[in-house]
Amino acid sequence: MHKRLQIVVNDLRRLFRNQINIPQIRERPCKAKLIAMDEHIHYEVVSFFHSINMLQLINDRFAADSVETRETVQNVLIEAIGTHIRNLFHFFYGKPKYNEDIIAEDFFQDVKIWRKSTVRHRNMSEIKRINKRISKEIVHLSLGGLDVKNKNWNKDWEVAYNCFKYTFIEFLRLAPQELLGARLTGEKNNFKNSGLI
């Protein structure tokens, strides 16, 4: 049997056994839904930055307390940072897995504007690496975490902080103003006033 025909036949067999994944056509969310996401997007970004800052302060703040207390608070913050990084990575760089997912490119009528952003591309490989490391070492029980030699995250937190800061600024700069809610507009104005936009 011809090789291509065999592939089609195999695909049809899997289809009828519900073993083939047929991608759903996903509509771009309407303006009202994008604006309604303002609070959630703002929360993810601001909470990420605050969690990183808190982690840097934690040793001073809990120096007099027990080691156990300090380590517990550090671990909670590390897990929070890991979750925020995964959410922001998916928002800024990902593809929607579900119809309800919101991603940055939903804010652009012409998605090429976002996809071709030099700031976004410059930061993508580092954020992708950090996100993969988080999946392996923090948010999953994984055998892959056993072979990790460098357990220090300080450098990666700094890299993620800067990458997301400039990616967020780029998103605010490029996204149409009419799709940004009050919180994101406020952040955009803050960055404008500080000369970053």
C-alpha atoms as a PDB file:
ATOM      1  CA  MET A   1       0.000   0.000   0.000  1.00  0.00           C
ATOM      2  CA  HIS A   2       1.254   3.505  -0.777  1.00  0.00           C
ATOM      3  CA  LYS A   3       2.826   5.159   2.308  1.00  0.00           C
ATOM      4  CA  ARG A   4       0.566   8.260   2.316  1.00  0.00           C
ATOM      5  CA  LEU A   5      -2.566   6.181   1.904  1.00  0.00           C
ATOM      6  CA  GLN A   6      -1.473   4.011   4.809  1.00  0.00           C
ATOM      7  CA  ILE A   7      -1.076   7.105   6.992  1.00  0.00           C
ATOM      8  CA  VAL A   8      -4.595   8.269   6.068  1.00  0.00           C
ATOM      9  CA  VAL A   9      -6.038   4.820   6.770  1.00  0.00           C
ATOM     10  CA  ASN A  10      -4.302   4.712  10.170  1.00  0.00           C
ATOM     11  CA  ASP A  11      -5.565   8.204  10.988  1.00  0.00           C
ATOM     12  CA  LEU A  12      -9.120   7.192  10.100  1.00  0.00           C
ATOM     13  CA  ARG A  13      -8.866   4.101  12.276  1.00  0.00           C
ATOM     14  CA  ARG A  14      -7.736   6.233  15.234  1.00  0.00           C
ATOM     15  CA  LEU A  15     -10.451   8.788  14.514  1.00  0.00           C
ATOM     16  CA  PHE A  16     -13.180   6.202  14.747  1.00  0.00           C
ATOM     17  CA  ARG A  17     -11.715   4.902  17.983  1.00  0.00           C
ATOM     18  CA  ASN A  18     -11.607   8.484  19.394  1.00  0.00           C
ATOM     19  CA  GLN A  19      -7.833   8.352  19.524  1.00  0.00           C
ATOM     20  CA  ILE A  20      -7.158  11.338  17.286  1.00  0.00           C
ATOM     21  CA  ASN A  21      -7.185  14.859  18.592  1.00  0.00           C
ATOM     22  CA  ILE A  22      -9.182  17.133  16.305  1.00  0.00           C
ATOM     23  CA  PRO A  23      -8.387  20.761  17.089  1.00  0.00           C
ATOM     24  CA  GLN A  24     -11.393  22.918  17.812  1.00  0.00           C
ATOM     25  CA  ILE A  25     -11.811  26.213  16.067  1.00  0.00           C
ATOM     26  CA  ARG A  26     -11.474  28.841  18.768  1.00  0.00           C
ATOM     27  CA  GLU A  27     -13.031  32.241  18.354  1.00  0.00           C
ATOM     28  CA  ARG A  28     -11.205  35.307  19.580  1.00  0.00           C
ATOM     29  CA  PRO A  29     -12.897  36.509  22.789  1.00  0.00           C
ATOM     30  CA  CYS A  30     -15.109  39.570  22.410  1.00  0.00           C
ATOM     31  CA  LYS A  31     -14.050  43.031  23.591  1.00  0.00           C
ATOM     32  CA  ALA A  32     -16.153  42.837  26.782  1.00  0.00           C
ATOM     33  CA  LYS A  33     -14.518  39.544  27.852  1.00  0.00           C
ATOM     34  CA  LEU A  34     -11.011  40.845  27.187  1.00  0.00           C
ATOM     35  CA  ILE A  35     -11.701  43.961  29.252  1.00  0.00           C
ATOM     36  CA  ALA A  36     -13.219  41.769  31.977  1.00  0.00           C
ATOM     37  CA  MET A  37      -9.886  39.893  32.219  1.00  0.00           C
ATOM     38  CA  ASP A  38      -8.199  43.120  33.350  1.00  0.00           C
ATOM     39  CA  GLU A  39      -8.321  42.291  37.065  1.00  0.00           C
ATOM     40  CA  HIS A  40      -7.060  38.724  36.632  1.00  0.00           C
ATOM     41  CA  ILE A  41      -4.175  39.636  34.291  1.00  0.00           C
ATOM     42  CA  HIS A  42      -3.203  42.497  36.584  1.00  0.00           C
ATOM     43  CA  TYR A  43      -3.332  40.168  39.597  1.00  0.00           C
ATOM     44  CA  GLU A  44      -1.002  37.606  37.961  1.00  0.00           C
ATOM     45  CA  VAL A  45       1.571  40.198  36.945  1.00  0.00           C
ATOM     46  CA  VAL A  46       1.563  42.213  40.171  1.00  0.00           C
ATOM     47  CA  SER A  47       1.485  39.106  42.388  1.00  0.00           C
ATOM     48  CA  PHE A  48       4.458  37.673  40.503  1.00  0.00           C
ATOM     49  CA  PHE A  49       6.495  40.846  41.074  1.00  0.00           C
ATOM     50  CA  HIS A  50       5.432  41.133  44.723  1.00  0.00           C
ATOM     51  CA  SER A  51       6.242  37.463  45.399  1.00  0.00           C
ATOM     52  CA  ILE A  52       9.739  37.868  43.943  1.00  0.00           C
ATOM     53  CA  ASN A  53      10.303  40.995  46.031  1.00  0.00           C
ATOM     54  CA  MET A  54       9.022  39.271  49.185  1.00  0.00           C
ATOM     55  CA  LEU A  55      11.324  36.303  48.612  1.00  0.00           C
ATOM     56  CA  GLN A  56      14.299  38.667  48.439  1.00  0.00           C
ATOM     57  CA  LEU A  57      13.274  40.262  51.751  1.00  0.00           C
ATOM     58  CA  ILE A  58      12.452  37.039  53.559  1.00  0.00           C
ATOM     59  CA  ASN A  59      15.862  36.383  55.137  1.00  0.00           C
ATOM     60  CA  ASP A  60      15.941  39.798  56.792  1.00  0.00           C
ATOM     61  CA  ARG A  61      12.309  39.654  57.885  1.00  0.00           C
ATOM     62  CA  PHE A  62      12.486  36.208  59.478  1.00  0.00           C
ATOM     63  CA  ALA A  63      16.116  36.187  60.632  1.00  0.00           C
ATOM     64  CA  ALA A  64      15.085  36.108  64.302  1.00  0.00           C
ATOM     65  CA  ASP A  65      12.465  33.404  63.772  1.00  0.00           C
ATOM     66  CA  SER A  66      13.118  29.732  63.488  1.00  0.00           C
ATOM     67  CA  VAL A  67      14.735  28.260  60.412  1.00  0.00           C
ATOM     68  CA  GLU A  68      11.588  26.194  59.945  1.00  0.00           C
ATOM     69  CA  THR A  69       9.393  29.310  59.760  1.00  0.00           C
ATOM     70  CA  ARG A  70      11.728  30.998  57.272  1.00  0.00           C
ATOM     71  CA  GLU A  71      11.922  27.905  55.071  1.00  0.00           C
ATOM     72  CA  THR A  72       8.140  27.436  55.161  1.00  0.00           C
ATOM     73  CA  VAL A  73       7.527  31.016  54.066  1.00  0.00           C
ATOM     74  CA  GLN A  74      10.231  30.707  51.384  1.00  0.00           C
ATOM     75  CA  ASN A  75       8.663  27.512  50.042  1.00  0.00           C
ATOM     76  CA  VAL A  76       5.199  29.076  49.896  1.00  0.00           C
ATOM     77  CA  LEU A  77       6.598  32.031  47.973  1.00  0.00           C
ATOM     78  CA  ILE A  78       8.582  29.778  45.614  1.00  0.00           C
ATOM     79  CA  GLU A  79       5.443  27.785  44.811  1.00  0.00           C
ATOM     80  CA  ALA A  80       3.492  31.020  44.262  1.00  0.00           C
ATOM     81  CA  ILE A  81       6.219  32.363  41.977  1.00  0.00           C
ATOM     82  CA  GLY A  82       6.239  29.079  40.051  1.00  0.00           C
ATOM     83  CA  THR A  83       2.488  29.248  39.538  1.00  0.00           C
ATOM     84  CA  HIS A  84       2.596  32.892  38.429  1.00  0.00           C
ATOM     85  CA  ILE A  85       5.450  32.184  35.999  1.00  0.00           C
ATOM     86  CA  ARG A  86       3.525  29.312  34.447  1.00  0.00           C
ATOM     87  CA  ASN A  87       0.381  31.452  34.111  1.00  0.00           C
ATOM     88  CA  LEU A  88       2.273  34.405  32.647  1.00  0.00           C
ATOM     89  CA  PHE A  89       4.273  32.162  30.332  1.00  0.00           C
ATOM     90  CA  HIS A  90       1.046  30.709  28.988  1.00  0.00           C
ATOM     91  CA  PHE A  91      -0.520  34.168  28.655  1.00  0.00           C
ATOM     92  CA  PHE A  92       2.406  35.849  26.895  1.00  0.00           C
ATOM     93  CA  TYR A  93       3.820  32.917  24.900  1.00  0.00           C
ATOM     94  CA  GLY A  94       1.330  30.064  24.853  1.00  0.00           C
ATOM     95  CA  LYS A  95      -1.431  28.742  22.707  1.00  0.00           C
ATOM     96  CA  PRO A  96      -4.895  28.255  24.196  1.00  0.00           C
ATOM     97  CA  LYS A  97      -5.601  24.705  25.335  1.00  0.00           C
ATOM     98  CA  TYR A  98      -9.249  25.390  26.091  1.00  0.00           C
ATOM     99  CA  ASN A  99     -11.827  27.743  24.607  1.00  0.00           C
ATOM    100  CA  GLU A 100     -11.910  29.673  27.888  1.00  0.00           C
ATOM    101  CA  ASP A 101      -8.174  30.398  27.888  1.00  0.00           C
ATOM    102  CA  ILE A 102      -7.097  33.990  27.349  1.00  0.00           C
ATOM    103  CA  ILE A 103      -3.703  34.690  25.822  1.00  0.00           C
ATOM    104  CA  ALA A 104      -1.966  37.955  24.958  1.00  0.00           C
ATOM    105  CA  GLU A 105      -2.481  37.599  21.233  1.00  0.00           C
ATOM    106  CA  ASP A 106      -6.270  37.620  21.799  1.00  0.00           C
ATOM    107  CA  PHE A 107      -5.870  41.362  22.341  1.00  0.00           C
ATOM    108  CA  PHE A 108      -4.652  41.887  18.772  1.00  0.00           C
ATOM    109  CA  GLN A 109      -6.817  41.876  15.658  1.00  0.00           C
ATOM    110  CA  ASP A 110      -3.605  41.194  13.745  1.00  0.00           C
ATOM    111  CA  VAL A 111      -1.793  38.614  15.898  1.00  0.00           C
ATOM    112  CA  LYS A 112       1.425  39.197  13.955  1.00  0.00           C
ATOM    113  CA  ILE A 113       1.828  42.482  15.848  1.00  0.00           C
ATOM    114  CA  TRP A 114       2.296  40.502  19.059  1.00  0.00           C
ATOM    115  CA  ARG A 115       4.019  37.467  17.610  1.00  0.00           C
ATOM    116  CA  LYS A 116       6.689  39.572  15.896  1.00  0.00           C
ATOM    117  CA  SER A 117       7.480  41.730  18.923  1.00  0.00           C
ATOM    118  CA  THR A 118      11.253  41.828  19.333  1.00  0.00           C
ATOM    119  CA  VAL A 119      10.962  42.213  23.121  1.00  0.00           C
ATOM    120  CA  ARG A 120       8.713  39.146  23.319  1.00  0.00           C
ATOM    121  CA  HIS A 121      11.111  37.080  21.180  1.00  0.00           C
ATOM    122  CA  ARG A 122      14.210  38.281  23.014  1.00  0.00           C
ATOM    123  CA  ASN A 123      12.776  37.026  26.310  1.00  0.00           C
ATOM    124  CA  MET A 124      11.089  33.848  25.061  1.00  0.00           C
ATOM    125  CA  SER A 125      13.977  31.373  25.259  1.00  0.00           C
ATOM    126  CA  GLU A 126      14.920  32.325  28.839  1.00  0.00           C
ATOM    127  CA  ILE A 127      11.328  32.245  30.073  1.00  0.00           C
ATOM    128  CA  LYS A 128      10.739  28.942  28.294  1.00  0.00           C
ATOM    129  CA  ARG A 129      13.807  27.452  30.004  1.00  0.00           C
ATOM    130  CA  ILE A 130      12.722  28.745  33.434  1.00  0.00           C
ATOM    131  CA  ASN A 131       9.150  27.515  32.918  1.00  0.00           C
ATOM    132  CA  LYS A 132      10.470  24.065  32.027  1.00  0.00           C
ATOM    133  CA  ARG A 133      12.666  24.077  35.123  1.00  0.00           C
ATOM    134  CA  ILE A 134       9.691  25.076  37.291  1.00  0.00           C
ATOM    135  CA  SER A 135       7.646  22.208  35.862  1.00  0.00           C
ATOM    136  CA  LYS A 136      10.446  19.780  36.567  1.00  0.00           C
ATOM    137  CA  GLU A 137      11.506  20.976  40.027  1.00  0.00           C
ATOM    138  CA  ILE A 138       8.613  22.818  41.684  1.00  0.00           C
ATOM    139  CA  VAL A 139       5.057  22.222  40.501  1.00  0.00           C
ATOM    140  CA  HIS A 140       5.194  18.521  39.622  1.00  0.00           C
ATOM    141  CA  LEU A 141       6.365  15.481  41.475  1.00  0.00           C
ATOM    142  CA  SER A 142       8.906  14.492  38.872  1.00  0.00           C
ATOM    143  CA  LEU A 143      11.874  12.153  38.658  1.00  0.00           C
ATOM    144  CA  GLY A 144      13.464  14.846  36.501  1.00  0.00           C
ATOM    145  CA  GLY A 145      14.009  16.932  39.607  1.00  0.00           C
ATOM    146  CA  LEU A 146      16.291  14.303  41.145  1.00  0.00           C
ATOM    147  CA  ASP A 147      19.198  14.952  38.792  1.00  0.00           C
ATOM    148  CA  VAL A 148      19.288  18.719  39.354  1.00  0.00           C
ATOM    149  CA  LYS A 149      22.734  19.895  40.403  1.00  0.00           C
ATOM    150  CA  ASN A 150      22.013  23.612  40.890  1.00  0.00           C
ATOM    151  CA  LYS A 151      19.095  24.094  43.248  1.00  0.00           C
ATOM    152  CA  ASN A 152      19.690  27.849  43.535  1.00  0.00           C
ATOM    153  CA  TRP A 153      16.908  29.836  41.905  1.00  0.00           C
ATOM    154  CA  ASN A 154      18.102  33.384  42.626  1.00  0.00           C
ATOM    155  CA  LYS A 155      19.522  34.004  39.145  1.00  0.00           C
ATOM    156  CA  ASP A 156      16.447  32.548  37.431  1.00  0.00           C
ATOM    157  CA  TRP A 157      14.109  34.656  39.588  1.00  0.00           C
ATOM    158  CA  GLU A 158      16.039  37.763  38.536  1.00  0.00           C
ATOM    159  CA  VAL A 159      15.945  36.746  34.864  1.00  0.00           C
ATOM    160  CA  ALA A 160      12.211  35.952  35.024  1.00  0.00           C
ATOM    161  CA  TYR A 161      11.511  39.248  36.803  1.00  0.00           C
ATOM    162  CA  ASN A 162      13.249  41.275  34.089  1.00  0.00           C
ATOM    163  CA  CYS A 163      11.877  39.232  31.189  1.00  0.00           C
ATOM    164  CA  PHE A 164       8.282  39.513  32.381  1.00  0.00           C
ATOM    165  CA  LYS A 165       8.696  43.178  33.271  1.00  0.00           C
ATOM    166  CA  TYR A 166       9.727  44.094  29.739  1.00  0.00           C
ATOM    167  CA  THR A 167       7.310  41.663  28.098  1.00  0.00           C
ATOM    168  CA  PHE A 168       4.464  43.148  30.161  1.00  0.00           C
ATOM    169  CA  ILE A 169       5.518  46.677  29.201  1.00  0.00           C
ATOM    170  CA  GLU A 170       5.626  45.615  25.543  1.00  0.00           C
ATOM    171  CA  PHE A 171       2.169  44.073  25.814  1.00  0.00           C
ATOM    172  CA  LEU A 172       0.770  47.290  27.306  1.00  0.00           C
ATOM    173  CA  ARG A 173       2.532  49.353  24.641  1.00  0.00           C
ATOM    174  CA  LEU A 174       1.179  47.307  21.732  1.00  0.00           C
ATOM    175  CA  ALA A 175      -2.297  46.251  22.942  1.00  0.00           C
ATOM    176  CA  PRO A 176      -5.161  48.450  21.747  1.00  0.00           C
ATOM    177  CA  GLN A 177      -6.129  50.859  24.535  1.00  0.00           C
ATOM    178  CA  GLU A 178      -9.847  50.093  24.153  1.00  0.00           C
ATOM    179  CA  LEU A 179      -9.215  46.477  25.214  1.00  0.00           C
ATOM    180  CA  LEU A 180      -7.416  47.352  28.436  1.00  0.00           C
ATOM    181  CA  GLY A 181      -9.415  47.755  31.619  1.00  0.00           C
ATOM    182  CA  ALA A 182      -8.773  50.257  34.394  1.00  0.00           C
ATOM    183  CA  ARG A 183      -5.963  48.356  36.149  1.00  0.00           C
ATOM    184  CA  LEU A 184      -3.940  47.630  33.020  1.00  0.00           C
ATOM    185  CA  THR A 185      -4.512  51.186  31.810  1.00  0.00           C
ATOM    186  CA  GLY A 186      -3.216  52.420  35.165  1.00  0.00           C
ATOM    187  CA  GLU A 187      -0.083  50.299  34.791  1.00  0.00           C
ATOM    188  CA  LYS A 188       0.386  51.559  31.234  1.00  0.00           C
ATOM    189  CA  ASN A 189       0.145  55.151  32.462  1.00  0.00           C
ATOM    190  CA  ASN A 190       2.662  54.441  35.261  1.00  0.00           C
ATOM    191  CA  PHE A 191       5.136  53.070  32.722  1.00  0.00           C
ATOM    192  CA  LYS A 192       4.497  56.050  30.422  1.00  0.00           C
ATOM    193  CA  ASN A 193       5.130  58.473  33.280  1.00  0.00           C
ATOM    194  CA  SER A 194       8.404  56.703  34.107  1.00  0.00           C
ATOM    195  CA  GLY A 195       9.509  56.821  30.463  1.00  0.00           C
ATOM    196  CA  LEU A 196       9.361  53.057  29.835  1.00  0.00           C
ATOM    197  CA  ILE A 197       6.582  53.381  27.214  1.00  0.00           C
END
